[in-house]
Amino acid sequence: MNAFEALPVQTMGMLTVEQLKEAWTRSESLTFGDPTLSRTPLPLQRTFYPLGFPLSIHTNSERVMEIAETVWSGFDKLSAVEPISVHIGVTEGGSSICPPAPVCRMREQMCSNIADAENFLISDFAQSFSFGWVNQATLEHESYFRYFFLESAAMGQIANRRAWGVHAACVELDGAGVLLCGDSGAGKSTLSYGCARAGWTFITDDGSYVVDGRDDRLVVGNCYQARFRPESERFFTELNGGTVTQRMDASKPSIEFSTAASQRLITSPTSRVRHIVFLNRNTPEHVLVSFPTEVARLYLLQWASFVPNVRRRQETMFDRLLDAGVYELRYTDLSWGIARLSRLAREGC
């Protein structure tokens, strides 16, 4: 085992007065207990750039660094802002059974994601700091650890400090970025990936982030991976046999797919949004129509931060984003949907 793979949990408690007196009498040096692991060394440190923003990881596990490298090695530096700091400690042992999906709770700038007593993540968005502990067995469930802990820490901090998250896919054609919005199950991943297979540039299938402080509606996303509902296998045979990951909602198992595995796809981590499209597959119609801007604004705000000063900044950026114009795509046929979006991107209508 690598020396930094995991450290044992320190259980030594407080010394008694008599023990302190004896040590003082004998001029002995004392090692105080650290039952909360607040002083446990995390000697490995490296900076990554998820979505282009600097994030400094501190850990005692080489495996954590390997997983972070897998997730974020493709991203280049986008902004020279202060790094987000994420500390992840790994303890020995643990059950071979994958832990449950963490329960997320938030108040003001504090956010907790707790799976059980040994696997949890705490984030302070005001301080750009997150820390968590997992046991060694949890790292064996790589997709679980990556989604619920590593990516959760990074994306939560980014979405409250650097760029504002939108529950939307993003694709681009001929320089025109299109946000695809809608409820879970609306078809964002399927349509965005279908567009990518048809020659569009793929930005992200789910989480789009509007970069703060810009006036060009720049969106960043993870173009290197996509997650699909299992039923998407009937559209794309390359998804067969993909890794299934459980999300926060137990009803949403997802097939993970690496876009880098497909040489036919064009990808980019950024795009400038020209159109916003809400997806509606619950109608036999095949038409693109206007969508109420105020409803779109409510949709964006529903996913906004609950930190007051952050939310005000998000509202400003969302209003600027909505200047792009909002549509509703009503369709049931995937090929028709791709063709209609292509017309919108090229002709603006």
Foldseek 3Di string as FASTA:
>chain_A
DPPLAADAQWDAAADDPVVVVVCVVVVHDDDGTDNVCPPPAQPDWDWFQVLQATAIETESRPLVVVLCCVQTVPHHHDDPDDYQYEYEYEHEDDDLDAFDFFDWDDDAQWIKTDRDPAWIKIDRLVVSYIYTGHYSSNVVVVVRCCARPVVCSVVVNCCQPWWPKAFWFWWADPQAIETEDEDVVLCQQVLLVVLQLVPIAGAASTIWTQTFPDLQRKIFHRQFKYKAAPVSCVVPVVLPPADWDQHNPNVGIIGMDTPVVDPSGHYDGMGGHQEYEYGAAPDADFDKAFDDLVVVLVSSLVRHDPNVVSSVSVSVSVVSNCVSGYIYGYHNDSVSSSVVVVCCNVPVD
